[in-house]
């Protein structure tokens, strides 16, 4: 293993990102979806974690005005448990802040305990439920939000 580098995603990463999605998710995104976002969507921001030439993680966000909607976060199973997911998302936040993003939102499965723990550590809080959100099994999604500034209750 080389040192894992986190950087802005490039077109050369698309195929490996789609393959990683197949490993990580029940309903993976297609290569065409990644291509559309990375090459053609001015509102999309993706970051990649690479171990040499191998994509071992990534995160994506759609930027709408000052809000960022996190679309995906994936880490190869061989690289889990090493805080790489946290590093990838923090790098995504830094890049998004440079583009004026002040808050972030995402949906997560209630059954995905590792993701819920990560997002809570990163300052996300639950803000609602999307009933039957996941098409593969009808599972609800927890809507979570995070503000760059400290949350006021």
N, C-alpha and C. Protein backbone atom coordinates (compact mmCIF):
# COMPACT_ATOMS: atom_id res chain seq x y z
N UNK A 1 0.83 -1.19 0.00
CA UNK A 1 0.00 0.00 0.00
C UNK A 1 0.87 1.25 0.00
N UNK A 2 0.52 2.16 -0.88
CA UNK A 2 1.18 3.47 -0.90
C UNK A 2 0.40 4.39 0.04
N UNK A 3 0.83 5.62 0.11
CA UNK A 3 0.08 6.61 0.88
C UNK A 3 -1.18 6.98 0.11
N UNK A 4 -2.32 6.97 0.79
CA UNK A 4 -3.58 7.34 0.15
C UNK A 4 -3.64 8.86 0.03
N UNK A 5 -3.91 9.32 -1.18
CA UNK A 5 -4.01 10.75 -1.48
C UNK A 5 -5.48 11.07 -1.75
N UNK A 6 -5.97 12.17 -1.18
CA UNK A 6 -7.34 12.62 -1.45
C UNK A 6 -7.24 13.87 -2.30
N UNK A 7 -7.99 13.87 -3.39
CA UNK A 7 -7.92 14.97 -4.37
C UNK A 7 -9.27 15.11 -5.07
N UNK A 8 -9.39 16.17 -5.86
CA UNK A 8 -10.59 16.35 -6.69
C UNK A 8 -10.64 15.22 -7.71
N UNK A 9 -11.83 14.65 -7.89
CA UNK A 9 -11.99 13.56 -8.86
C UNK A 9 -11.76 14.05 -10.28
N UNK A 10 -11.26 13.14 -11.10
CA UNK A 10 -10.99 13.43 -12.51
C UNK A 10 -11.72 12.39 -13.36
N UNK A 11 -11.83 12.69 -14.66
CA UNK A 11 -12.50 11.76 -15.56
C UNK A 11 -11.86 10.38 -15.53
N UNK A 12 -10.56 10.30 -15.34
CA UNK A 12 -9.87 9.01 -15.32
C UNK A 12 -10.32 8.14 -14.14
N UNK A 13 -10.99 8.72 -13.13
CA UNK A 13 -11.45 7.99 -11.95
C UNK A 13 -12.82 7.34 -12.14
N UNK A 14 -13.56 7.77 -13.14
CA UNK A 14 -14.97 7.41 -13.27
C UNK A 14 -15.20 5.90 -13.28
N UNK A 15 -14.48 5.16 -14.10
CA UNK A 15 -14.71 3.72 -14.19
C UNK A 15 -14.50 3.05 -12.84
N UNK A 16 -13.41 3.40 -12.16
CA UNK A 16 -13.13 2.79 -10.86
C UNK A 16 -14.15 3.21 -9.80
N UNK A 17 -14.64 4.43 -9.88
CA UNK A 17 -15.66 4.87 -8.94
C UNK A 17 -16.93 4.04 -9.12
N UNK A 18 -17.33 3.81 -10.37
CA UNK A 18 -18.51 3.00 -10.64
C UNK A 18 -18.31 1.56 -10.17
N UNK A 19 -17.12 1.03 -10.35
CA UNK A 19 -16.83 -0.33 -9.88
C UNK A 19 -16.86 -0.39 -8.35
N UNK A 20 -16.34 0.64 -7.69
CA UNK A 20 -16.38 0.70 -6.23
C UNK A 20 -17.82 0.77 -5.73
N UNK A 21 -18.66 1.51 -6.45
CA UNK A 21 -20.07 1.60 -6.09
C UNK A 21 -20.73 0.22 -6.10
N UNK A 22 -20.36 -0.61 -7.07
CA UNK A 22 -20.91 -1.97 -7.15
C UNK A 22 -20.52 -2.79 -5.92
N UNK A 23 -19.34 -2.55 -5.41
CA UNK A 23 -18.86 -3.28 -4.22
C UNK A 23 -19.55 -2.77 -2.96
N UNK A 24 -19.81 -1.46 -2.90
CA UNK A 24 -20.27 -0.83 -1.66
C UNK A 24 -21.78 -0.72 -1.49
N UNK A 25 -22.53 -0.70 -2.58
CA UNK A 25 -23.96 -0.38 -2.48
C UNK A 25 -24.85 -1.40 -3.18
N UNK A 26 -26.03 -1.57 -2.62
CA UNK A 26 -27.04 -2.47 -3.21
C UNK A 26 -27.60 -1.91 -4.50
N UNK A 27 -27.68 -0.60 -4.60
CA UNK A 27 -28.18 0.07 -5.81
C UNK A 27 -27.10 1.03 -6.31
N UNK A 28 -26.06 0.49 -6.96
CA UNK A 28 -24.94 1.34 -7.37
C UNK A 28 -25.31 2.29 -8.50
N UNK A 29 -24.58 3.40 -8.54
CA UNK A 29 -24.72 4.33 -9.65
C UNK A 29 -24.03 3.73 -10.88
N UNK A 30 -24.52 4.10 -12.03
CA UNK A 30 -23.91 3.64 -13.28
C UNK A 30 -22.70 4.51 -13.61
N UNK A 31 -21.87 3.98 -14.48
CA UNK A 31 -20.73 4.75 -14.96
C UNK A 31 -21.21 6.01 -15.67
N UNK A 32 -22.33 5.89 -16.38
CA UNK A 32 -22.89 7.05 -17.09
C UNK A 32 -23.31 8.15 -16.11
N UNK A 33 -23.82 7.76 -14.95
CA UNK A 33 -24.21 8.76 -13.94
C UNK A 33 -22.99 9.51 -13.41
N UNK A 34 -21.93 8.77 -13.13
CA UNK A 34 -20.70 9.43 -12.68
C UNK A 34 -20.14 10.34 -13.79
N UNK A 35 -20.17 9.86 -15.01
CA UNK A 35 -19.67 10.66 -16.13
C UNK A 35 -20.45 11.95 -16.25
N UNK A 36 -21.77 11.86 -16.18
CA UNK A 36 -22.61 13.06 -16.29
C UNK A 36 -22.28 14.07 -15.20
N UNK A 37 -22.07 13.58 -13.99
CA UNK A 37 -21.77 14.50 -12.89
C UNK A 37 -20.37 15.08 -13.00
N UNK A 38 -19.38 14.23 -13.18
CA UNK A 38 -17.99 14.70 -13.14
C UNK A 38 -17.62 15.52 -14.37
N UNK A 39 -18.10 15.12 -15.52
CA UNK A 39 -17.73 15.82 -16.75
C UNK A 39 -18.66 16.98 -17.08
N UNK A 40 -19.97 16.83 -16.83
CA UNK A 40 -20.93 17.78 -17.36
C UNK A 40 -21.70 18.61 -16.34
N UNK A 41 -21.73 18.22 -15.09
CA UNK A 41 -22.55 18.91 -14.09
C UNK A 41 -21.72 19.94 -13.33
N UNK A 42 -21.94 21.20 -13.64
CA UNK A 42 -21.18 22.27 -12.99
C UNK A 42 -21.47 22.37 -11.50
N UNK A 43 -22.58 21.82 -11.07
CA UNK A 43 -22.95 21.87 -9.65
C UNK A 43 -22.42 20.69 -8.86
N UNK A 44 -21.80 19.74 -9.53
CA UNK A 44 -21.29 18.54 -8.85
C UNK A 44 -19.84 18.73 -8.43
N UNK A 45 -19.52 18.19 -7.27
CA UNK A 45 -18.17 18.19 -6.74
C UNK A 45 -17.89 16.79 -6.21
N UNK A 46 -16.85 16.17 -6.73
CA UNK A 46 -16.46 14.83 -6.27
C UNK A 46 -15.00 14.86 -5.87
N UNK A 47 -14.69 14.12 -4.81
CA UNK A 47 -13.32 13.94 -4.38
C UNK A 47 -13.02 12.45 -4.34
N UNK A 48 -11.78 12.10 -4.63
CA UNK A 48 -11.35 10.71 -4.74
C UNK A 48 -10.19 10.46 -3.79
N UNK A 49 -10.23 9.29 -3.14
CA UNK A 49 -9.10 8.80 -2.37
C UNK A 49 -8.42 7.75 -3.23
N UNK A 50 -7.13 7.94 -3.50
CA UNK A 50 -6.40 7.02 -4.37
C UNK A 50 -5.18 6.48 -3.66
N UNK A 51 -5.00 5.17 -3.79
CA UNK A 51 -3.80 4.49 -3.32
C UNK A 51 -3.03 4.15 -4.59
N UNK A 52 -2.08 4.99 -4.94
CA UNK A 52 -1.42 4.87 -6.23
C UNK A 52 -2.45 5.16 -7.32
N UNK A 53 -2.64 4.22 -8.24
CA UNK A 53 -3.62 4.39 -9.32
C UNK A 53 -4.98 3.81 -8.97
N UNK A 54 -5.11 3.23 -7.79
CA UNK A 54 -6.35 2.55 -7.40
C UNK A 54 -7.25 3.48 -6.61
N UNK A 55 -8.49 3.68 -7.09
CA UNK A 55 -9.49 4.46 -6.36
C UNK A 55 -10.00 3.59 -5.21
N UNK A 56 -9.80 4.06 -3.98
CA UNK A 56 -10.20 3.29 -2.80
C UNK A 56 -11.33 3.97 -2.02
N UNK A 57 -11.74 5.14 -2.48
CA UNK A 57 -12.85 5.84 -1.85
C UNK A 57 -13.18 7.09 -2.61
N UNK A 58 -14.37 7.60 -2.36
CA UNK A 58 -14.77 8.86 -2.98
C UNK A 58 -15.97 9.41 -2.24
N UNK A 59 -16.26 10.66 -2.47
CA UNK A 59 -17.49 11.30 -1.98
C UNK A 59 -17.92 12.32 -3.01
N UNK A 60 -19.23 12.49 -3.12
CA UNK A 60 -19.78 13.43 -4.08
C UNK A 60 -20.80 14.35 -3.45
N UNK A 61 -20.96 15.50 -4.07
CA UNK A 61 -21.90 16.51 -3.56
C UNK A 61 -22.45 17.30 -4.74
N UNK A 62 -23.73 17.63 -4.65
CA UNK A 62 -24.33 18.59 -5.58
C UNK A 62 -24.47 19.91 -4.82
N UNK A 63 -23.98 20.98 -5.41
CA UNK A 63 -24.00 22.29 -4.77
C UNK A 63 -25.14 23.11 -5.35
N UNK A 64 -26.04 23.54 -4.45
CA UNK A 64 -27.17 24.37 -4.84
C UNK A 64 -27.12 25.60 -3.95
N UNK A 65 -26.73 26.72 -4.58
CA UNK A 65 -26.50 27.97 -3.86
C UNK A 65 -25.49 27.73 -2.74
N UNK A 66 -25.88 27.90 -1.46
CA UNK A 66 -24.93 27.72 -0.37
C UNK A 66 -25.11 26.40 0.37
N UNK A 67 -25.85 25.47 -0.26
CA UNK A 67 -26.07 24.16 0.34
C UNK A 67 -25.42 23.07 -0.50
N UNK A 68 -24.91 22.07 0.19
CA UNK A 68 -24.33 20.92 -0.49
C UNK A 68 -25.11 19.67 -0.13
N UNK A 69 -25.60 18.97 -1.15
CA UNK A 69 -26.31 17.71 -0.94
C UNK A 69 -25.33 16.58 -1.23
N UNK A 70 -24.92 15.87 -0.19
CA UNK A 70 -23.99 14.76 -0.36
C UNK A 70 -24.72 13.61 -1.02
N UNK A 71 -24.21 13.19 -2.17
CA UNK A 71 -24.86 12.16 -2.95
C UNK A 71 -24.37 10.77 -2.58
N UNK A 72 -23.08 10.60 -2.42
CA UNK A 72 -22.49 9.29 -2.14
C UNK A 72 -21.21 9.46 -1.34
N UNK A 73 -20.95 8.49 -0.50
CA UNK A 73 -19.66 8.35 0.17
C UNK A 73 -19.35 6.85 0.12
N UNK A 74 -18.21 6.49 -0.43
CA UNK A 74 -17.85 5.08 -0.53
C UNK A 74 -16.39 4.88 -0.15
N UNK A 75 -16.14 3.81 0.57
CA UNK A 75 -14.77 3.42 0.92
C UNK A 75 -14.67 1.91 0.66
N UNK A 76 -13.63 1.53 -0.06
CA UNK A 76 -13.41 0.11 -0.35
C UNK A 76 -13.32 -0.67 0.96
N UNK A 77 -13.94 -1.86 1.02
CA UNK A 77 -13.91 -2.64 2.28
C UNK A 77 -12.51 -2.86 2.85
N UNK A 78 -11.51 -2.99 2.01
CA UNK A 78 -10.15 -3.20 2.50
C UNK A 78 -9.56 -1.98 3.19
N UNK A 79 -10.20 -0.82 3.02
CA UNK A 79 -9.67 0.43 3.59
C UNK A 79 -10.56 0.97 4.70
N UNK A 80 -11.58 0.24 5.08
CA UNK A 80 -12.47 0.68 6.15
C UNK A 80 -11.80 0.50 7.50
N UNK A 81 -12.28 1.26 8.48
CA UNK A 81 -11.74 1.18 9.83
C UNK A 81 -10.44 1.95 10.01
N UNK A 82 -10.08 2.75 9.02
CA UNK A 82 -8.83 3.52 9.08
C UNK A 82 -9.10 5.03 9.04
N UNK A 83 -10.34 5.41 9.27
CA UNK A 83 -10.78 6.81 9.29
C UNK A 83 -10.71 7.47 7.92
N UNK A 84 -10.62 6.67 6.87
CA UNK A 84 -10.54 7.24 5.52
C UNK A 84 -11.84 7.92 5.12
N UNK A 85 -12.97 7.35 5.48
CA UNK A 85 -14.26 7.98 5.16
C UNK A 85 -14.34 9.38 5.75
N UNK A 86 -13.92 9.52 6.99
CA UNK A 86 -13.92 10.84 7.65
C UNK A 86 -13.00 11.81 6.91
N UNK A 87 -11.83 11.34 6.52
CA UNK A 87 -10.88 12.20 5.81
C UNK A 87 -11.44 12.64 4.45
N UNK A 88 -12.08 11.71 3.76
CA UNK A 88 -12.66 12.03 2.45
C UNK A 88 -13.74 13.09 2.59
N UNK A 89 -14.64 12.89 3.55
CA UNK A 89 -15.75 13.84 3.73
C UNK A 89 -15.23 15.19 4.20
N UNK A 90 -14.25 15.20 5.08
CA UNK A 90 -13.69 16.49 5.53
C UNK A 90 -13.04 17.23 4.36
N UNK A 91 -12.36 16.51 3.48
CA UNK A 91 -11.77 17.14 2.30
C UNK A 91 -12.87 17.69 1.39
N UNK A 92 -13.96 16.93 1.25
CA UNK A 92 -15.11 17.40 0.46
C UNK A 92 -15.65 18.70 1.06
N UNK A 93 -15.78 18.76 2.39
CA UNK A 93 -16.26 19.97 3.05
C UNK A 93 -15.34 21.16 2.76
N UNK A 94 -14.03 20.93 2.82
CA UNK A 94 -13.07 22.02 2.57
C UNK A 94 -13.23 22.55 1.15
N UNK A 95 -13.33 21.64 0.19
CA UNK A 95 -13.49 22.07 -1.21
C UNK A 95 -14.83 22.76 -1.43
N UNK A 96 -15.87 22.27 -0.79
CA UNK A 96 -17.20 22.87 -0.92
C UNK A 96 -17.23 24.27 -0.31
N UNK A 97 -16.55 24.44 0.83
CA UNK A 97 -16.50 25.75 1.47
C UNK A 97 -15.86 26.79 0.55
N UNK A 98 -14.85 26.37 -0.22
CA UNK A 98 -14.22 27.27 -1.19
C UNK A 98 -15.20 27.72 -2.26
N UNK A 99 -16.28 26.96 -2.44
CA UNK A 99 -17.30 27.27 -3.44
C UNK A 99 -18.54 27.91 -2.80
N UNK A 100 -18.43 28.30 -1.52
CA UNK A 100 -19.51 29.03 -0.86
C UNK A 100 -20.52 28.17 -0.13
N UNK A 101 -20.27 26.89 0.02
CA UNK A 101 -21.22 26.02 0.72
C UNK A 101 -21.13 26.27 2.22
N UNK A 102 -22.30 26.53 2.83
CA UNK A 102 -22.37 26.81 4.25
C UNK A 102 -23.03 25.71 5.06
N UNK A 103 -23.78 24.83 4.40
CA UNK A 103 -24.42 23.72 5.10
C UNK A 103 -24.50 22.53 4.16
N UNK A 104 -24.61 21.35 4.76
CA UNK A 104 -24.67 20.12 3.98
C UNK A 104 -25.85 19.28 4.45
N UNK A 105 -26.39 18.49 3.53
CA UNK A 105 -27.45 17.56 3.85
C UNK A 105 -27.17 16.23 3.16
N UNK A 106 -27.80 15.20 3.67
CA UNK A 106 -27.67 13.86 3.07
C UNK A 106 -28.81 13.00 3.58
N UNK A 107 -28.98 11.85 2.92
CA UNK A 107 -29.89 10.82 3.40
C UNK A 107 -29.05 9.60 3.73
N UNK A 108 -29.44 8.88 4.77
CA UNK A 108 -28.71 7.68 5.18
C UNK A 108 -29.72 6.63 5.67
N UNK A 109 -29.38 5.38 5.42
CA UNK A 109 -30.23 4.29 5.89
C UNK A 109 -30.14 4.19 7.42
N UNK A 110 -31.26 4.02 8.11
CA UNK A 110 -31.20 3.79 9.56
C UNK A 110 -30.40 2.53 9.91
N UNK A 111 -30.35 1.57 8.99
CA UNK A 111 -29.62 0.33 9.24
C UNK A 111 -28.10 0.47 9.03
N UNK A 112 -27.64 1.60 8.54
CA UNK A 112 -26.22 1.80 8.26
C UNK A 112 -25.54 2.47 9.46
N UNK A 113 -25.32 1.67 10.51
CA UNK A 113 -24.76 2.20 11.75
C UNK A 113 -23.39 2.86 11.57
N UNK A 114 -22.46 2.28 10.77
CA UNK A 114 -21.17 2.96 10.60
C UNK A 114 -21.31 4.35 9.97
N UNK A 115 -22.17 4.48 8.98
CA UNK A 115 -22.37 5.79 8.34
C UNK A 115 -23.01 6.77 9.31
N UNK A 116 -24.01 6.32 10.05
CA UNK A 116 -24.65 7.20 11.04
C UNK A 116 -23.64 7.70 12.07
N UNK A 117 -22.77 6.81 12.52
CA UNK A 117 -21.75 7.20 13.50
C UNK A 117 -20.79 8.23 12.90
N UNK A 118 -20.37 8.00 11.66
CA UNK A 118 -19.47 8.94 10.99
C UNK A 118 -20.13 10.31 10.84
N UNK A 119 -21.35 10.32 10.34
CA UNK A 119 -22.01 11.61 10.09
C UNK A 119 -22.26 12.36 11.40
N UNK A 120 -22.60 11.64 12.46
CA UNK A 120 -22.79 12.29 13.76
C UNK A 120 -21.48 12.90 14.24
N UNK A 121 -20.36 12.17 14.10
CA UNK A 121 -19.05 12.70 14.48
C UNK A 121 -18.70 13.96 13.71
N UNK A 122 -19.17 14.02 12.46
CA UNK A 122 -18.87 15.17 11.61
C UNK A 122 -19.84 16.34 11.83
N UNK A 123 -20.75 16.21 12.79
CA UNK A 123 -21.62 17.33 13.13
C UNK A 123 -22.99 17.31 12.48
N UNK A 124 -23.34 16.23 11.82
CA UNK A 124 -24.69 16.13 11.24
C UNK A 124 -25.68 15.79 12.35
N UNK A 125 -26.91 16.23 12.16
CA UNK A 125 -27.99 15.92 13.09
C UNK A 125 -29.22 15.50 12.28
N UNK A 126 -30.03 14.59 12.83
CA UNK A 126 -31.22 14.14 12.10
C UNK A 126 -32.25 15.26 12.03
N UNK A 127 -32.88 15.39 10.86
CA UNK A 127 -33.85 16.46 10.67
C UNK A 127 -35.16 15.98 10.07
N UNK A 128 -35.27 14.69 9.81
CA UNK A 128 -36.51 14.17 9.25
C UNK A 128 -36.32 12.78 8.68
N UNK A 129 -37.41 12.25 8.15
CA UNK A 129 -37.42 10.91 7.56
C UNK A 129 -38.03 11.00 6.16
N UNK A 130 -37.43 10.29 5.20
CA UNK A 130 -38.03 10.10 3.88
C UNK A 130 -38.55 8.66 3.86
N UNK A 131 -39.86 8.52 3.89
CA UNK A 131 -40.49 7.20 3.92
C UNK A 131 -40.23 6.44 2.62
N UNK A 132 -39.84 5.18 2.75
CA UNK A 132 -39.66 4.31 1.60
C UNK A 132 -38.66 4.80 0.57
N UNK A 133 -37.65 5.53 1.00
CA UNK A 133 -36.71 6.20 0.11
C UNK A 133 -35.89 5.25 -0.75
N UNK A 134 -35.45 4.14 -0.16
CA UNK A 134 -34.55 3.24 -0.88
C UNK A 134 -35.35 2.24 -1.70
N UNK A 135 -35.14 2.28 -3.01
CA UNK A 135 -35.93 1.46 -3.93
C UNK A 135 -35.60 -0.03 -3.84
N UNK A 136 -34.42 -0.38 -3.36
CA UNK A 136 -34.05 -1.80 -3.32
C UNK A 136 -34.83 -2.59 -2.27
N UNK A 137 -35.22 -1.91 -1.16
CA UNK A 137 -35.95 -2.64 -0.12
C UNK A 137 -37.02 -1.80 0.57
N UNK A 138 -37.25 -0.58 0.10
CA UNK A 138 -38.28 0.28 0.68
C UNK A 138 -37.91 0.88 2.03
N UNK A 139 -36.65 0.74 2.43
CA UNK A 139 -36.22 1.30 3.72
C UNK A 139 -36.35 2.82 3.71
N UNK A 140 -36.71 3.36 4.85
CA UNK A 140 -36.76 4.81 5.01
C UNK A 140 -35.34 5.37 4.98
N UNK A 141 -35.23 6.68 4.84
CA UNK A 141 -33.95 7.37 4.95
C UNK A 141 -34.06 8.41 6.04
N UNK A 142 -32.99 8.55 6.79
CA UNK A 142 -32.89 9.63 7.76
C UNK A 142 -32.28 10.81 7.02
N UNK A 143 -32.95 11.95 7.07
CA UNK A 143 -32.41 13.18 6.49
C UNK A 143 -31.55 13.83 7.58
N UNK A 144 -30.31 14.14 7.23
CA UNK A 144 -29.40 14.76 8.19
C UNK A 144 -28.87 16.07 7.62
N UNK A 145 -28.59 17.01 8.51
CA UNK A 145 -28.05 18.32 8.14
C UNK A 145 -26.82 18.62 8.98
N UNK A 146 -25.99 19.47 8.42
CA UNK A 146 -24.79 19.96 9.11
C UNK A 146 -24.58 21.40 8.65
N UNK A 147 -24.28 22.27 9.59
CA UNK A 147 -23.95 23.65 9.25
C UNK A 147 -22.47 23.87 9.51
N UNK A 148 -21.81 24.66 8.67
CA UNK A 148 -20.40 24.94 8.87
C UNK A 148 -20.18 25.71 10.16
N UNK A 149 -21.16 26.53 10.52
CA UNK A 149 -21.06 27.27 11.77
C UNK A 149 -21.72 26.42 12.84
N UNK A 150 -21.39 26.71 14.09
CA UNK A 150 -21.92 25.92 15.19
C UNK A 150 -23.45 25.94 15.17
N UNK A 151 -24.04 24.79 15.42
CA UNK A 151 -25.50 24.65 15.42
C UNK A 151 -26.10 25.32 16.64
N UNK A 152 -27.15 26.09 16.42
CA UNK A 152 -27.86 26.76 17.51
C UNK A 152 -29.20 26.06 17.67
N UNK A 153 -29.49 25.63 18.88
CA UNK A 153 -30.76 24.92 19.14
C UNK A 153 -31.81 25.92 19.60
